[in-house]
Protein backbone atom coordinates (compact mmCIF):
# COMPACT_ATOMS: atom_id res chain seq x y z
CA MET A 1 254.77 52.63 58.22
CA ILE A 2 252.00 54.04 61.30
CA LEU A 3 254.27 51.94 63.69
CA THR A 4 257.22 54.01 62.71
CA ARG A 5 255.43 57.50 62.77
CA TYR A 6 253.38 56.43 66.18
CA ARG A 7 257.53 55.46 67.22
CA SER A 8 259.07 58.67 66.32
CA PHE A 9 255.66 60.90 68.17
CA LEU A 10 256.41 59.07 71.22
CA LEU A 11 260.16 59.55 71.22
CA THR A 12 259.59 63.41 70.50
CA LEU A 13 257.09 63.59 72.96
CA ALA A 14 259.82 62.29 75.74
CA LEU A 15 262.64 64.61 74.74
CA LEU A 16 260.12 67.61 75.15
CA CYS A 17 259.09 66.44 78.38
CA VAL A 18 262.79 65.90 79.54
CA ALA A 19 263.57 69.58 78.10
CA ASN A 20 260.88 71.01 80.22
CA THR A 21 261.91 69.44 83.54
CA LEU A 22 265.53 70.45 82.84
CA PRO A 23 265.21 74.12 84.02
CA ALA A 24 263.36 73.46 86.85
CA GLN A 25 266.09 70.68 87.85
CA GLU A 26 268.86 72.69 87.52
CA ASP A 27 267.16 75.35 89.38
CA MET A 28 267.01 72.75 92.08
CA HIS A 29 270.48 71.55 91.91
CA SER A 30 272.40 74.56 90.50
CA ALA A 31 273.75 75.39 94.18
CA GLU A 32 275.70 72.27 93.81
CA LEU A 33 276.69 72.31 90.08
CA GLN A 34 278.00 75.64 90.87
CA CYS A 35 281.30 74.31 92.77
CA LEU A 36 280.81 70.20 92.37
CA SER A 37 280.77 69.91 88.93
CA CYS A 38 283.85 71.01 88.54
CA HIS A 39 285.23 70.06 91.95
CA THR A 40 284.69 66.22 91.38
CA SER A 41 285.87 63.02 93.55
CA SER A 42 288.31 62.36 90.07
CA SER A 43 290.08 65.82 90.89
CA ASP A 44 293.51 65.81 91.93
CA VAL A 45 292.89 67.03 95.42
CA ALA A 46 289.41 64.99 96.27
CA VAL A 47 287.59 67.62 97.43
CA HIS A 48 284.34 65.27 98.12
CA ALA A 49 286.19 64.03 101.06
CA VAL A 50 285.15 66.96 102.99
CA PHE A 51 280.99 65.60 102.94
CA ASN A 52 282.56 63.13 105.28
CA THR A 53 283.21 65.54 108.02
CA VAL A 54 281.26 68.34 110.11
CA HIS A 55 282.70 70.80 107.45
CA GLY A 56 280.67 69.16 104.73
CA GLN A 57 277.65 69.76 106.49
CA LEU A 58 277.79 73.40 107.26
CA ASN A 59 274.59 75.39 105.96
CA GLY A 60 273.13 72.28 104.93
CA GLY A 61 275.84 70.83 103.02
CA GLY A 62 276.34 70.84 99.09
CA ASN A 63 277.66 74.29 97.45
CA ASP A 64 276.61 76.10 100.41
CA SER A 65 279.41 73.83 102.42
CA CYS A 66 281.82 75.16 100.17
CA THR A 67 281.11 79.10 100.47
CA ALA A 68 280.71 79.24 104.08
CA CYS A 69 284.51 78.73 104.11
CA HIS A 70 285.54 79.69 100.71
CA GLY A 71 283.44 82.86 100.25
CA ASP A 72 280.76 83.17 97.47
CA SER A 73 283.47 83.53 94.93
CA THR A 74 281.32 84.29 92.02
CA ASP A 75 283.80 85.88 89.97
CA HIS A 76 285.69 82.17 90.35
CA MET A 77 282.85 80.75 89.21
CA ALA A 78 282.65 82.57 85.95
CA ALA A 79 285.85 82.69 85.49
CA PRO A 80 287.54 79.57 87.32
CA THR A 81 290.53 79.32 85.52
CA GLU A 82 291.72 82.67 85.93
CA VAL A 83 290.65 83.95 88.96
CA ALA A 84 290.83 82.68 92.57
CA PRO A 85 288.15 81.72 95.14
CA SER A 86 287.18 84.66 97.36
CA VAL A 87 289.01 82.65 100.21
CA SER A 88 291.55 79.98 98.59
CA PHE A 89 293.33 77.38 100.80
CA GLY A 90 294.90 75.84 97.77
CA PRO A 91 298.45 75.87 96.34
CA HIS A 92 296.92 78.06 93.64
CA TRP A 93 296.20 81.58 94.04
CA PRO A 94 296.66 81.02 98.36
CA ALA A 95 294.79 84.20 99.89
CA THR A 96 296.97 85.85 102.53
CA ALA A 97 297.07 83.87 106.15
CA GLU A 98 295.15 86.66 107.71
CA ALA A 99 292.31 85.58 105.31
CA ARG A 100 292.11 81.96 105.87
CA ASN A 101 292.47 82.45 109.60
CA ALA A 102 289.44 84.89 109.48
CA SER A 103 287.18 82.27 107.48
CA CYS A 104 288.18 79.85 110.10
CA GLN A 105 287.76 81.65 113.13
CA SER A 106 284.13 82.88 111.84
CA CYS A 107 283.05 79.54 113.64
CA HIS A 108 286.49 78.72 115.94
CA GLU A 109 286.58 82.17 117.54
CA ASN A 110 286.02 80.52 121.31
CA GLY A 111 287.45 77.66 123.56
CA LYS A 112 291.15 76.46 122.96
CA GLN A 113 291.33 78.76 119.78
CA LEU A 114 290.31 82.02 121.82
CA LEU A 115 294.05 83.30 122.09
CA TRP A 116 295.13 83.00 118.97
CA ALA A 117 295.63 86.52 118.05
CA GLY A 118 298.65 87.46 119.29
CA SER A 119 300.34 83.91 119.68
CA ALA A 120 303.46 82.46 118.65
CA HIS A 121 302.12 80.61 115.94
CA ASP A 122 300.22 83.55 114.95
CA ALA A 123 303.29 85.86 114.78
CA GLU A 124 304.83 83.47 112.79
CA GLY A 125 302.75 84.11 110.19
CA LEU A 126 301.06 80.48 110.48
CA ALA A 127 297.43 79.78 108.92
CA CYS A 128 294.83 77.45 110.36
CA ASP A 129 295.65 75.31 107.15
CA SER A 130 299.09 75.30 107.72
CA CYS A 131 298.53 72.37 110.43
CA HIS A 132 294.85 71.08 109.87
CA ASN A 133 293.07 69.69 106.55
CA SER A 134 289.53 70.67 106.65
CA HIS A 135 288.66 68.28 104.04
CA GLN A 136 290.15 64.73 105.50
CA GLN A 137 288.02 62.47 107.70
CA ILE A 138 290.48 62.50 110.33
CA ASP A 139 292.38 65.70 110.71
CA PRO A 140 296.01 65.00 111.18
CA ALA A 141 296.57 67.65 113.48
CA LEU A 142 294.04 66.24 116.01
CA ALA A 143 295.46 62.65 115.71
CA ALA A 144 298.24 62.37 118.60
CA GLU A 145 300.95 60.72 116.75
CA GLN A 146 300.59 62.70 113.62
CA SER A 147 300.28 65.99 115.31
CA THR A 148 303.43 65.32 117.02
CA ASP A 149 305.08 64.96 114.00
CA MET A 150 303.75 68.27 112.78
CA CYS A 151 305.34 69.90 115.45
CA LEU A 152 308.65 68.47 115.59
CA ASP A 153 309.27 68.92 112.16
CA CYS A 154 309.44 72.77 112.90
CA HIS A 155 310.69 72.48 116.83
CA THR A 156 313.91 70.76 115.59
CA ARG A 157 315.66 71.46 118.91
CA VAL A 158 312.69 69.48 121.05
CA ARG A 159 312.93 66.66 118.64
CA ALA A 160 316.59 66.28 119.43
CA GLU A 161 315.63 66.25 123.06
CA ALA A 162 313.20 63.79 123.12
CA GLN A 163 315.75 61.86 122.00
CA LEU A 164 317.97 61.64 125.05
CA PRO A 165 318.12 59.27 127.61
CA SER A 166 315.72 60.58 130.04
CA HIS A 167 312.85 61.95 128.48
CA HIS A 168 308.90 61.91 128.49
CA PRO A 169 307.58 59.15 126.26
CA ILE A 170 306.77 61.25 123.36
CA SER A 171 308.82 59.22 120.54
CA GLU A 172 306.93 56.31 122.53
CA GLY A 173 303.47 57.88 121.43
CA LYS A 174 302.17 57.68 125.17
CA THR A 175 301.92 61.58 125.38
CA SER A 176 302.21 64.36 122.76
CA CYS A 177 302.85 68.08 122.75
CA THR A 178 299.65 69.36 122.88
CA ASP A 179 298.97 67.28 126.37
CA CYS A 180 301.08 70.28 127.41
CA HIS A 181 300.84 72.87 124.55
CA ASN A 182 297.62 74.70 123.42
CA PRO A 183 299.21 75.58 120.06
CA HIS A 184 296.47 78.32 119.27
CA GLY A 185 297.85 80.33 122.21
CA ALA A 186 297.75 80.63 126.00
CA SER A 187 298.03 83.49 128.55
CA THR A 188 300.97 81.16 130.02
CA GLY A 189 304.82 81.39 128.69
CA SER A 190 305.42 78.63 126.20
CA ASP A 191 301.69 78.31 125.36
CA LEU A 192 301.24 75.96 128.40
CA HIS A 193 297.52 74.77 129.26
CA GLU A 194 297.84 75.49 133.21
CA VAL A 195 298.47 78.87 134.50
CA SER A 196 301.56 78.00 135.77
CA ILE A 197 304.21 75.49 134.94
CA ASN A 198 304.02 73.56 138.02
CA ASP A 199 300.24 73.31 137.56
CA ASN A 200 300.73 72.06 133.89
CA CYS A 201 303.47 69.29 135.37
CA PHE A 202 300.97 69.07 138.37
CA SER A 203 297.92 67.92 135.96
CA CYS A 204 300.16 64.18 135.62
CA HIS A 205 302.75 64.37 138.65
CA GLN A 206 299.67 64.89 141.21
CA GLU A 207 301.80 62.79 144.14
CA LYS A 208 304.37 66.20 143.71
CA ARG A 209 301.50 69.19 144.47
CA GLY A 210 301.70 68.90 148.02
CA PRO A 211 300.83 71.20 150.35
CA PHE A 212 303.60 69.71 152.45
CA LEU A 213 304.54 69.90 155.96
CA TRP A 214 308.30 70.30 155.02
CA GLU A 215 308.34 72.16 151.66
CA HIS A 216 311.73 72.16 149.25
CA PRO A 217 311.11 75.87 148.20
CA PRO A 218 312.52 75.22 144.78
CA SER A 219 310.28 72.55 143.85
CA ALA A 220 307.17 74.85 144.68
CA GLU A 221 308.26 77.95 142.86
CA ASP A 222 309.23 76.16 139.42
CA CYS A 223 309.90 72.74 138.59
CA SER A 224 311.81 73.49 135.65
CA LEU A 225 314.50 74.80 138.09
CA CYS A 226 315.64 71.07 138.08
CA HIS A 227 314.12 69.55 135.59
CA ARG A 228 314.31 70.18 131.74
CA PRO A 229 310.81 68.89 130.11
CA HIS A 230 311.62 67.76 127.14
CA GLY A 231 314.84 65.33 127.56
CA SER A 232 318.22 65.55 129.45
CA VAL A 233 321.30 63.56 129.50
CA HIS A 234 320.60 63.59 133.57
CA PRO A 235 317.91 60.61 135.21
CA ARG A 236 314.48 62.22 135.85
CA LEU A 237 314.93 64.90 133.19
CA LEU A 238 317.47 66.81 135.77
CA THR A 239 319.31 69.84 134.61
CA ALA A 240 322.30 68.48 136.21
CA ARG A 241 323.71 65.04 138.12
CA GLY A 242 323.73 64.78 141.79
CA PRO A 243 324.79 65.93 143.78
CA ALA A 244 326.01 68.62 141.68
CA LEU A 245 322.26 70.22 141.09
CA CYS A 246 321.97 70.44 144.40
CA GLN A 247 325.25 72.27 145.28
CA GLN A 248 324.02 74.99 143.59
CA CYS A 249 322.58 76.18 146.23
CA HIS A 250 323.47 73.88 149.44
CA ALA A 251 326.70 74.42 149.43
CA ALA A 252 327.29 73.52 152.99
CA ALA A 253 324.50 72.54 155.14
CA PHE A 254 324.41 71.00 158.55
CA HIS A 255 327.20 68.38 157.36
CA PRO A 256 330.16 68.49 155.45
CA SER A 257 329.71 69.20 151.66
CA LEU A 258 332.75 68.50 149.35
CA PRO A 259 332.18 70.40 146.34
CA TYR A 260 331.55 67.81 143.37
CA GLY A 261 331.53 68.92 139.52
CA ALA A 262 332.28 67.86 136.37
CA GLU A 263 336.20 67.45 137.21
CA GLY A 264 335.00 64.77 140.27
CA LEU A 265 336.40 64.90 143.51
CA ALA A 266 338.01 67.99 144.21
CA GLY A 267 340.16 67.03 147.01
CA GLY A 268 340.23 65.35 150.57
CA SER A 269 338.68 62.21 151.58
CA ALA A 270 335.62 60.49 150.78
CA ASN A 271 332.58 61.71 152.53
CA GLN A 272 330.12 59.48 154.09
CA ASN A 273 327.15 61.36 153.42
CA VAL A 274 327.54 61.99 150.08
CA LEU A 275 328.44 58.20 149.23
CA GLY A 276 327.50 57.40 145.65
CA LYS A 277 327.88 61.05 144.97
CA ASN A 278 323.82 61.55 145.54
CA CYS A 279 322.40 63.76 147.93
CA LEU A 280 319.53 61.86 146.59
CA ASN A 281 320.71 58.75 148.67
CA CYS A 282 319.60 60.45 151.77
CA HIS A 283 317.49 63.08 151.29
CA GLY A 284 314.98 61.05 148.98
CA GLN A 285 311.56 63.44 149.51
CA VAL A 286 313.40 65.99 147.52
CA HIS A 287 309.65 67.66 146.53
CA GLY A 288 308.38 68.07 150.50
CA SER A 289 307.82 65.78 153.05
CA ASN A 290 304.66 65.21 155.28
CA HIS A 291 306.74 63.22 158.20
CA PRO A 292 306.98 64.79 161.45
CA SER A 293 311.02 64.05 161.22
CA GLY A 294 311.32 64.82 157.52
CA ALA A 295 312.73 68.48 158.03
CA ARG A 296 315.51 67.65 156.25
CA LEU A 297 313.82 65.67 153.68
CA THR A 298 314.87 62.63 154.16
CA ARG A 299 311.89 60.76 154.92
């Protein structure tokens, strides 16, 4: 009997000790319990994955990292099934694109995101989370192959051009859309990284930059006058086959030049200067030449 009473006394004492410590523990961890007691790793969306990313370490981690992006969400925590978070990115109660973007831009406002306001994607009403997933350890928008698929889901014309016989190796995974374009906006047309389309091309094709002793003006002015950047049915991404492309400007230059078009030979005898129907057979340095005898871009 005495042993039983002693055990009961010890059990009661232990329970009192636990009860006295619970408020302190709750105070210490109340921040985490506010968000993470509901949003567990077994939820439909594994929000805990965010703690493997830099976003999960904001403001020291835990609940404070959640409120750094989603706002204080006080009303949501009081009635989680009835009231949305202050800034909701999910499929339920999504906030406006402006509100979601403002949350992201509170940190991401410089660098490549500097010119987002007024950009093509901003004008289309896209939000940052239309492409990015901040909860994933590897954001698909930052992975070359996955980001390209994202771009081509909307830019279907580019997807088709990238499958033409002559194309940049986008589908092969050797280059991606973001190698040339800044999806967050730019001061140039087509959201190019560089100040001009030629500078953008020269970032890879440096041998075409020059300066040249003998310069081909169209090449120096705009690469897209002769080339289609995403793909073409003609070799070397050309906008037309030779010599039809050259003859758009060079109707008769220093030697007889019969007009060749899609219909074939227009008439007359064959011209040895365009043997094989291509000016490039002789004028191979079409981008420019530094040879003393290269005035005609032949060497």
